[in-house]
């Protein structure tokens, strides 16, 4: 190659490398800043918004719009409840590209969630006596299809272990203010099964009576190794940090 062309070739190579680095940064480092799961708007908030702004286009708000928030007694709420629309289970992890941590979390979620809960009343007191939930992890979706495909065979290995379950092992005493629609802190203690491994965990969260629904949101951060998983690693270039966060939003309706 003539020496006069060498600077041009080097300049082109540098531009290509710079462009490639920019694409990697955009796709992996910047990511898609997905908000953490929270309780959806209350029936009161949804009703006020509908009256002021017209019909809501938010699917999570539609399930309770029009239901009076009101109050309920323990005996009225006692009985069987089942998981309904608006329920979501997902993960949150932090990826690295070439040893550099992404600016935001990688988040995948699925609405393929089923389960039930049993509430029992004793006078004015109410307790969640039993609950079990199941999520189909093979239905997890993020903002990156290649990530969704990778976790089917590495890390979560959802092709081999498609189902995650949680079974409550300790009753939850429901605070009295929850019967008026107030948001209350709760802890879900039970057996969590992921990747073929079952562990006793305590998931901190919040719960609320919202119209004709009971809603629970919570999250738990743990090392991949707790459930026999290895953080995904693609050719040593795209890696996932050691901790993962489970997020859940459970919406229950009377069975």
C-alpha atoms as a PDB file:
ATOM      1  CA  UNK A   1       0.000   0.000   0.000  1.00  0.00           C
ATOM      2  CA  UNK A   2       1.427   3.427  -0.938  1.00  0.00           C
ATOM      3  CA  UNK A   3       2.403   5.475   2.081  1.00  0.00           C
ATOM      4  CA  UNK A   4       0.222   8.338   0.884  1.00  0.00           C
ATOM      5  CA  UNK A   5      -2.865   6.164   1.405  1.00  0.00           C
ATOM      6  CA  UNK A   6      -1.945   4.948   4.878  1.00  0.00           C
ATOM      7  CA  UNK A   7      -3.222   8.034   6.780  1.00  0.00           C
ATOM      8  CA  UNK A   8      -6.504   7.823   4.887  1.00  0.00           C
ATOM      9  CA  UNK A   9      -6.965   4.143   5.743  1.00  0.00           C
ATOM     10  CA  UNK A  10      -6.131   4.786   9.391  1.00  0.00           C
ATOM     11  CA  UNK A  11      -8.588   7.674   9.501  1.00  0.00           C
ATOM     12  CA  UNK A  12     -11.351   5.519   8.021  1.00  0.00           C
ATOM     13  CA  UNK A  13     -10.586   2.695  10.474  1.00  0.00           C
ATOM     14  CA  UNK A  14     -10.705   5.148  13.386  1.00  0.00           C
ATOM     15  CA  UNK A  15     -14.048   6.521  12.175  1.00  0.00           C
ATOM     16  CA  UNK A  16     -15.500   3.020  11.894  1.00  0.00           C
ATOM     17  CA  UNK A  17     -14.262   2.138  15.396  1.00  0.00           C
ATOM     18  CA  UNK A  18     -15.723   5.373  16.757  1.00  0.00           C
ATOM     19  CA  UNK A  19     -19.058   4.718  15.069  1.00  0.00           C
ATOM     20  CA  UNK A  20     -19.077   1.137  16.359  1.00  0.00           C
ATOM     21  CA  UNK A  21     -18.353   2.358  19.861  1.00  0.00           C
ATOM     22  CA  UNK A  22     -21.172   4.871  19.606  1.00  0.00           C
ATOM     23  CA  UNK A  23     -23.622   2.157  18.483  1.00  0.00           C
ATOM     24  CA  UNK A  24     -22.555  -0.102  21.371  1.00  0.00           C
ATOM     25  CA  UNK A  25     -22.939   2.749  23.832  1.00  0.00           C
ATOM     26  CA  UNK A  26     -26.373   3.590  22.501  1.00  0.00           C
ATOM     27  CA  UNK A  27     -27.631   0.009  22.465  1.00  0.00           C
ATOM     28  CA  UNK A  28     -26.071  -1.333  25.633  1.00  0.00           C
ATOM     29  CA  UNK A  29     -24.717   1.417  27.855  1.00  0.00           C
ATOM     30  CA  UNK A  30     -27.518   3.964  27.526  1.00  0.00           C
ATOM     31  CA  UNK A  31     -30.251   1.323  27.483  1.00  0.00           C
ATOM     32  CA  UNK A  32     -33.923   2.019  28.093  1.00  0.00           C
ATOM     33  CA  UNK A  33     -34.556   3.621  31.493  1.00  0.00           C
ATOM     34  CA  UNK A  34     -37.555   1.561  32.670  1.00  0.00           C
ATOM     35  CA  UNK A  35     -39.171   2.741  35.905  1.00  0.00           C
ATOM     36  CA  UNK A  36     -39.441   0.329  38.807  1.00  0.00           C
ATOM     37  CA  UNK A  37     -42.804  -1.316  39.340  1.00  0.00           C
ATOM     38  CA  UNK A  38     -45.118   0.651  41.620  1.00  0.00           C
ATOM     39  CA  UNK A  39     -48.751   0.440  42.636  1.00  0.00           C
ATOM     40  CA  UNK A  40     -50.983   1.744  39.825  1.00  0.00           C
ATOM     41  CA  UNK A  41     -53.128   4.861  40.265  1.00  0.00           C
ATOM     42  CA  UNK A  42     -55.876   4.496  42.843  1.00  0.00           C
ATOM     43  CA  UNK A  43     -59.508   4.277  41.815  1.00  0.00           C
ATOM     44  CA  UNK A  44     -60.025   7.791  43.167  1.00  0.00           C
ATOM     45  CA  UNK A  45     -57.135   9.194  41.125  1.00  0.00           C
ATOM     46  CA  UNK A  46     -58.321   7.398  37.988  1.00  0.00           C
ATOM     47  CA  UNK A  47     -61.885   8.630  38.448  1.00  0.00           C
ATOM     48  CA  UNK A  48     -60.726  12.222  38.965  1.00  0.00           C
ATOM     49  CA  UNK A  49     -58.481  12.034  35.908  1.00  0.00           C
ATOM     50  CA  UNK A  50     -61.352  10.634  33.820  1.00  0.00           C
ATOM     51  CA  UNK A  51     -63.658  13.422  34.943  1.00  0.00           C
ATOM     52  CA  UNK A  52     -61.053  16.099  34.178  1.00  0.00           C
ATOM     53  CA  UNK A  53     -59.288  14.793  31.100  1.00  0.00           C
ATOM     54  CA  UNK A  54     -61.702  12.291  29.603  1.00  0.00           C
ATOM     55  CA  UNK A  55     -61.193   8.522  29.253  1.00  0.00           C
ATOM     56  CA  UNK A  56     -57.744   7.204  30.235  1.00  0.00           C
ATOM     57  CA  UNK A  57     -55.585   5.408  27.676  1.00  0.00           C
ATOM     58  CA  UNK A  58     -53.452   3.759  30.397  1.00  0.00           C
ATOM     59  CA  UNK A  59     -54.268  -0.005  30.464  1.00  0.00           C
ATOM     60  CA  UNK A  60     -53.122  -0.334  34.095  1.00  0.00           C
ATOM     61  CA  UNK A  61     -55.608   2.319  35.162  1.00  0.00           C
ATOM     62  CA  UNK A  62     -58.576   0.926  33.250  1.00  0.00           C
ATOM     63  CA  UNK A  63     -59.080  -2.099  35.489  1.00  0.00           C
ATOM     64  CA  UNK A  64     -60.105  -0.033  38.510  1.00  0.00           C
ATOM     65  CA  UNK A  65     -61.533   3.120  36.950  1.00  0.00           C
ATOM     66  CA  UNK A  66     -65.116   3.554  38.088  1.00  0.00           C
ATOM     67  CA  UNK A  67     -64.778   1.349  41.186  1.00  0.00           C
ATOM     68  CA  UNK A  68     -65.412   3.257  44.399  1.00  0.00           C
ATOM     69  CA  UNK A  69     -62.336   3.161  46.643  1.00  0.00           C
ATOM     70  CA  UNK A  70     -64.520   3.276  49.801  1.00  0.00           C
ATOM     71  CA  UNK A  71     -63.854   0.985  52.743  1.00  0.00           C
ATOM     72  CA  UNK A  72     -64.427  -2.687  53.450  1.00  0.00           C
ATOM     73  CA  UNK A  73     -64.736  -4.856  56.513  1.00  0.00           C
ATOM     74  CA  UNK A  74     -62.598  -7.897  57.205  1.00  0.00           C
ATOM     75  CA  UNK A  75     -65.570 -10.212  56.683  1.00  0.00           C
ATOM     76  CA  UNK A  76     -66.335  -8.632  53.294  1.00  0.00           C
ATOM     77  CA  UNK A  77     -62.784  -9.257  52.085  1.00  0.00           C
ATOM     78  CA  UNK A  78     -62.432 -12.762  53.514  1.00  0.00           C
ATOM     79  CA  UNK A  79     -62.414 -15.563  50.979  1.00  0.00           C
ATOM     80  CA  UNK A  80     -60.629 -16.622  47.803  1.00  0.00           C
ATOM     81  CA  UNK A  81     -58.939 -14.143  45.481  1.00  0.00           C
ATOM     82  CA  UNK A  82     -57.326 -14.864  42.123  1.00  0.00           C
ATOM     83  CA  UNK A  83     -54.606 -13.187  40.060  1.00  0.00           C
ATOM     84  CA  UNK A  84     -56.095 -11.009  37.349  1.00  0.00           C
ATOM     85  CA  UNK A  85     -55.058  -8.626  34.570  1.00  0.00           C
ATOM     86  CA  UNK A  86     -52.489  -5.978  35.435  1.00  0.00           C
ATOM     87  CA  UNK A  87     -50.183  -8.481  37.144  1.00  0.00           C
ATOM     88  CA  UNK A  88     -46.516  -8.385  36.099  1.00  0.00           C
ATOM     89  CA  UNK A  89     -43.346 -10.252  37.094  1.00  0.00           C
ATOM     90  CA  UNK A  90     -39.890  -9.322  35.865  1.00  0.00           C
ATOM     91  CA  UNK A  91     -36.182  -8.882  36.417  1.00  0.00           C
ATOM     92  CA  UNK A  92     -33.792  -5.954  36.649  1.00  0.00           C
ATOM     93  CA  UNK A  93     -30.028  -6.364  36.104  1.00  0.00           C
ATOM     94  CA  UNK A  94     -27.074  -4.138  35.265  1.00  0.00           C
ATOM     95  CA  UNK A  95     -25.052  -5.094  32.183  1.00  0.00           C
ATOM     96  CA  UNK A  96     -21.437  -4.302  31.363  1.00  0.00           C
ATOM     97  CA  UNK A  97     -19.893  -3.807  27.951  1.00  0.00           C
ATOM     98  CA  UNK A  98     -16.154  -4.236  27.784  1.00  0.00           C
ATOM     99  CA  UNK A  99     -15.970  -3.884  31.561  1.00  0.00           C
ATOM    100  CA  UNK A 100     -17.959  -0.613  31.597  1.00  0.00           C
ATOM    101  CA  UNK A 101     -21.268  -0.660  33.482  1.00  0.00           C
ATOM    102  CA  UNK A 102     -24.372   0.427  31.595  1.00  0.00           C
ATOM    103  CA  UNK A 103     -25.983   3.694  32.613  1.00  0.00           C
ATOM    104  CA  UNK A 104     -29.375   2.064  33.222  1.00  0.00           C
ATOM    105  CA  UNK A 105     -30.727  -1.355  34.149  1.00  0.00           C
ATOM    106  CA  UNK A 106     -31.744  -4.033  31.687  1.00  0.00           C
ATOM    107  CA  UNK A 107     -35.371  -4.875  32.471  1.00  0.00           C
ATOM    108  CA  UNK A 108     -37.525  -7.771  31.277  1.00  0.00           C
ATOM    109  CA  UNK A 109     -41.155  -8.418  32.225  1.00  0.00           C
ATOM    110  CA  UNK A 110     -44.018 -10.802  31.608  1.00  0.00           C
ATOM    111  CA  UNK A 111     -47.734 -10.602  32.274  1.00  0.00           C
ATOM    112  CA  UNK A 112     -48.027 -14.414  32.094  1.00  0.00           C
ATOM    113  CA  UNK A 113     -48.782 -14.621  35.816  1.00  0.00           C
ATOM    114  CA  UNK A 114     -51.301 -16.842  37.591  1.00  0.00           C
ATOM    115  CA  UNK A 115     -52.125 -17.677  41.193  1.00  0.00           C
ATOM    116  CA  UNK A 116     -54.444 -17.116  44.120  1.00  0.00           C
ATOM    117  CA  UNK A 117     -54.662 -15.955  47.719  1.00  0.00           C
ATOM    118  CA  UNK A 118     -56.923 -16.781  50.646  1.00  0.00           C
ATOM    119  CA  UNK A 119     -57.941 -14.107  53.155  1.00  0.00           C
ATOM    120  CA  UNK A 120     -59.340 -14.998  56.565  1.00  0.00           C
ATOM    121  CA  UNK A 121     -61.205 -12.756  59.019  1.00  0.00           C
ATOM    122  CA  UNK A 122     -61.204 -13.010  62.794  1.00  0.00           C
ATOM    123  CA  UNK A 123     -63.531 -10.339  64.133  1.00  0.00           C
ATOM    124  CA  UNK A 124     -62.283  -7.060  62.715  1.00  0.00           C
ATOM    125  CA  UNK A 125     -58.831  -8.503  61.935  1.00  0.00           C
ATOM    126  CA  UNK A 126     -57.857  -9.717  58.477  1.00  0.00           C
ATOM    127  CA  UNK A 127     -54.955 -11.927  57.421  1.00  0.00           C
ATOM    128  CA  UNK A 128     -53.623 -13.396  54.196  1.00  0.00           C
ATOM    129  CA  UNK A 129     -53.585 -17.046  55.238  1.00  0.00           C
ATOM    130  CA  UNK A 130     -52.286 -18.546  51.994  1.00  0.00           C
ATOM    131  CA  UNK A 131     -51.030 -17.418  48.610  1.00  0.00           C
ATOM    132  CA  UNK A 132     -49.211 -18.886  45.651  1.00  0.00           C
ATOM    133  CA  UNK A 133     -48.135 -17.322  42.368  1.00  0.00           C
ATOM    134  CA  UNK A 134     -46.592 -18.647  39.173  1.00  0.00           C
ATOM    135  CA  UNK A 135     -44.868 -16.782  36.331  1.00  0.00           C
ATOM    136  CA  UNK A 136     -43.932 -18.085  32.885  1.00  0.00           C
ATOM    137  CA  UNK A 137     -40.375 -16.801  32.444  1.00  0.00           C
ATOM    138  CA  UNK A 138     -40.227 -18.009  28.848  1.00  0.00           C
ATOM    139  CA  UNK A 139     -42.516 -15.042  28.080  1.00  0.00           C
ATOM    140  CA  UNK A 140     -40.125 -12.402  29.461  1.00  0.00           C
ATOM    141  CA  UNK A 141     -39.578  -9.461  27.113  1.00  0.00           C
ATOM    142  CA  UNK A 142     -37.169  -6.527  27.315  1.00  0.00           C
ATOM    143  CA  UNK A 143     -36.244  -3.725  24.930  1.00  0.00           C
ATOM    144  CA  UNK A 144     -33.631  -5.965  23.296  1.00  0.00           C
ATOM    145  CA  UNK A 145     -34.630  -9.137  21.456  1.00  0.00           C
ATOM    146  CA  UNK A 146     -31.102 -10.535  21.507  1.00  0.00           C
ATOM    147  CA  UNK A 147     -31.080 -10.329  25.315  1.00  0.00           C
ATOM    148  CA  UNK A 148     -34.444 -12.110  25.450  1.00  0.00           C
ATOM    149  CA  UNK A 149     -33.058 -14.919  23.294  1.00  0.00           C
ATOM    150  CA  UNK A 150     -29.814 -15.235  25.281  1.00  0.00           C
ATOM    151  CA  UNK A 151     -31.475 -15.771  28.661  1.00  0.00           C
ATOM    152  CA  UNK A 152     -33.326 -18.746  27.241  1.00  0.00           C
ATOM    153  CA  UNK A 153     -30.037 -20.696  27.219  1.00  0.00           C
ATOM    154  CA  UNK A 154     -27.714 -18.864  29.653  1.00  0.00           C
ATOM    155  CA  UNK A 155     -28.235 -17.236  33.044  1.00  0.00           C
ATOM    156  CA  UNK A 156     -31.934 -17.745  33.708  1.00  0.00           C
ATOM    157  CA  UNK A 157     -32.057 -20.611  31.171  1.00  0.00           C
ATOM    158  CA  UNK A 158     -35.783 -20.191  30.739  1.00  0.00           C
ATOM    159  CA  UNK A 159     -35.969 -22.845  28.011  1.00  0.00           C
ATOM    160  CA  UNK A 160     -34.982 -25.397  30.669  1.00  0.00           C
ATOM    161  CA  UNK A 161     -36.593 -23.701  33.698  1.00  0.00           C
ATOM    162  CA  UNK A 162     -39.588 -21.774  32.305  1.00  0.00           C
ATOM    163  CA  UNK A 163     -41.648 -21.501  35.496  1.00  0.00           C
ATOM    164  CA  UNK A 164     -40.937 -19.498  38.661  1.00  0.00           C
ATOM    165  CA  UNK A 165     -43.169 -19.912  41.708  1.00  0.00           C
ATOM    166  CA  UNK A 166     -43.716 -18.277  45.079  1.00  0.00           C
ATOM    167  CA  UNK A 167     -45.642 -19.924  47.918  1.00  0.00           C
ATOM    168  CA  UNK A 168     -46.430 -17.927  51.044  1.00  0.00           C
ATOM    169  CA  UNK A 169     -45.287 -19.721  54.223  1.00  0.00           C
ATOM    170  CA  UNK A 170     -46.125 -17.099  56.846  1.00  0.00           C
ATOM    171  CA  UNK A 171     -49.531 -15.452  57.170  1.00  0.00           C
ATOM    172  CA  UNK A 172     -49.643 -11.691  56.603  1.00  0.00           C
ATOM    173  CA  UNK A 173     -51.529  -9.717  59.227  1.00  0.00           C
ATOM    174  CA  UNK A 174     -53.287  -6.949  57.323  1.00  0.00           C
ATOM    175  CA  UNK A 175     -53.051  -3.531  59.036  1.00  0.00           C
ATOM    176  CA  UNK A 176     -56.458  -2.030  59.884  1.00  0.00           C
ATOM    177  CA  UNK A 177     -55.823   1.072  57.756  1.00  0.00           C
ATOM    178  CA  UNK A 178     -55.562  -1.120  54.668  1.00  0.00           C
ATOM    179  CA  UNK A 179     -59.325  -1.683  54.886  1.00  0.00           C
ATOM    180  CA  UNK A 180     -59.847   2.012  54.125  1.00  0.00           C
ATOM    181  CA  UNK A 181     -57.770   1.904  50.936  1.00  0.00           C
ATOM    182  CA  UNK A 182     -54.515   3.136  52.504  1.00  0.00           C
ATOM    183  CA  UNK A 183     -51.202   1.862  51.149  1.00  0.00           C
ATOM    184  CA  UNK A 184     -49.474  -0.308  53.761  1.00  0.00           C
ATOM    185  CA  UNK A 185     -46.068  -1.946  54.046  1.00  0.00           C
ATOM    186  CA  UNK A 186     -46.058  -5.746  53.917  1.00  0.00           C
ATOM    187  CA  UNK A 187     -43.489  -8.543  53.884  1.00  0.00           C
ATOM    188  CA  UNK A 188     -44.114 -11.661  51.817  1.00  0.00           C
ATOM    189  CA  UNK A 189     -42.241 -14.561  53.401  1.00  0.00           C
ATOM    190  CA  UNK A 190     -42.292 -17.791  51.476  1.00  0.00           C
ATOM    191  CA  UNK A 191     -40.602 -20.278  49.185  1.00  0.00           C
ATOM    192  CA  UNK A 192     -39.329 -18.785  45.924  1.00  0.00           C
ATOM    193  CA  UNK A 193     -38.402 -21.245  43.166  1.00  0.00           C
ATOM    194  CA  UNK A 194     -36.284 -20.042  40.228  1.00  0.00           C
ATOM    195  CA  UNK A 195     -34.017 -22.045  37.915  1.00  0.00           C
ATOM    196  CA  UNK A 196     -34.988 -25.266  39.674  1.00  0.00           C
ATOM    197  CA  UNK A 197     -33.809 -23.997  43.091  1.00  0.00           C
ATOM    198  CA  UNK A 198     -36.171 -23.183  45.969  1.00  0.00           C
ATOM    199  CA  UNK A 199     -35.188 -20.791  48.760  1.00  0.00           C
ATOM    200  CA  UNK A 200     -37.033 -19.234  51.688  1.00  0.00           C
ATOM    201  CA  UNK A 201     -37.133 -15.459  51.145  1.00  0.00           C
ATOM    202  CA  UNK A 202     -38.794 -12.356  52.552  1.00  0.00           C
ATOM    203  CA  UNK A 203     -39.916  -9.878  49.910  1.00  0.00           C
ATOM    204  CA  UNK A 204     -40.585  -6.337  51.159  1.00  0.00           C
ATOM    205  CA  UNK A 205     -43.424  -4.551  49.466  1.00  0.00           C
ATOM    206  CA  UNK A 206     -46.590  -2.506  49.641  1.00  0.00           C
ATOM    207  CA  UNK A 207     -50.249  -3.452  49.381  1.00  0.00           C
ATOM    208  CA  UNK A 208     -53.500  -1.600  48.860  1.00  0.00           C
ATOM    209  CA  UNK A 209     -57.227  -2.192  48.464  1.00  0.00           C
ATOM    210  CA  UNK A 210     -58.018  -0.368  45.236  1.00  0.00           C
ATOM    211  CA  UNK A 211     -61.673  -0.450  44.280  1.00  0.00           C
ATOM    212  CA  UNK A 212     -62.536  -4.108  43.796  1.00  0.00           C
ATOM    213  CA  UNK A 213     -58.890  -5.173  43.563  1.00  0.00           C
ATOM    214  CA  UNK A 214     -56.145  -5.988  46.047  1.00  0.00           C
ATOM    215  CA  UNK A 215     -52.760  -4.893  44.678  1.00  0.00           C
ATOM    216  CA  UNK A 216     -49.312  -5.883  45.923  1.00  0.00           C
ATOM    217  CA  UNK A 217     -45.948  -4.637  44.670  1.00  0.00           C
ATOM    218  CA  UNK A 218     -42.529  -5.783  45.835  1.00  0.00           C
ATOM    219  CA  UNK A 219     -38.944  -6.510  44.855  1.00  0.00           C
ATOM    220  CA  UNK A 220     -36.043  -8.639  46.023  1.00  0.00           C
ATOM    221  CA  UNK A 221     -32.355  -8.338  45.090  1.00  0.00           C
ATOM    222  CA  UNK A 222     -30.149 -11.422  45.298  1.00  0.00           C
ATOM    223  CA  UNK A 223     -26.951 -12.880  43.801  1.00  0.00           C
ATOM    224  CA  UNK A 224     -27.460 -15.084  40.748  1.00  0.00           C
ATOM    225  CA  UNK A 225     -25.609 -17.827  42.628  1.00  0.00           C
ATOM    226  CA  UNK A 226     -28.390 -18.039  45.252  1.00  0.00           C
ATOM    227  CA  UNK A 227     -30.481 -19.861  42.666  1.00  0.00           C
ATOM    228  CA  UNK A 228     -27.702 -21.803  40.975  1.00  0.00           C
ATOM    229  CA  UNK A 229     -27.349 -19.345  38.110  1.00  0.00           C
ATOM    230  CA  UNK A 230     -24.263 -17.854  36.482  1.00  0.00           C
ATOM    231  CA  UNK A 231     -24.560 -14.224  35.328  1.00  0.00           C
ATOM    232  CA  UNK A 232     -24.818 -14.152  31.524  1.00  0.00           C
ATOM    233  CA  UNK A 233     -21.525 -13.560  29.722  1.00  0.00           C
ATOM    234  CA  UNK A 234     -21.320 -13.179  25.951  1.00  0.00           C
ATOM    235  CA  UNK A 235     -17.762 -13.807  24.759  1.00  0.00           C
ATOM    236  CA  UNK A 236     -16.375 -11.870  27.723  1.00  0.00           C
ATOM    237  CA  UNK A 237     -17.577  -8.615  26.159  1.00  0.00           C
ATOM    238  CA  UNK A 238     -21.216  -8.235  27.233  1.00  0.00           C
ATOM    239  CA  UNK A 239     -21.585  -9.330  30.860  1.00  0.00           C
ATOM    240  CA  UNK A 240     -24.141  -9.042  33.633  1.00  0.00           C
ATOM    241  CA  UNK A 241     -23.235  -7.966  37.165  1.00  0.00           C
ATOM    242  CA  UNK A 242     -23.568 -10.491  39.994  1.00  0.00           C
ATOM    243  CA  UNK A 243     -26.896  -9.330  41.494  1.00  0.00           C
ATOM    244  CA  UNK A 244     -30.374  -9.559  39.991  1.00  0.00           C
ATOM    245  CA  UNK A 245     -33.617  -7.978  41.205  1.00  0.00           C
ATOM    246  CA  UNK A 246     -36.971  -9.718  41.046  1.00  0.00           C
ATOM    247  CA  UNK A 247     -39.888  -7.306  40.629  1.00  0.00           C
ATOM    248  CA  UNK A 248     -43.555  -8.173  40.972  1.00  0.00           C
ATOM    249  CA  UNK A 249     -46.907  -6.443  40.781  1.00  0.00           C
ATOM    250  CA  UNK A 250     -49.827  -8.694  41.691  1.00  0.00           C
ATOM    251  CA  UNK A 251     -53.435  -7.659  41.131  1.00  0.00           C
ATOM    252  CA  UNK A 252     -56.104  -9.833  42.782  1.00  0.00           C
ATOM    253  CA  UNK A 253     -59.833 -10.001  42.200  1.00  0.00           C
ATOM    254  CA  UNK A 254     -62.415 -11.942  44.204  1.00  0.00           C
ATOM    255  CA  UNK A 255     -62.772 -15.461  42.835  1.00  0.00           C
END
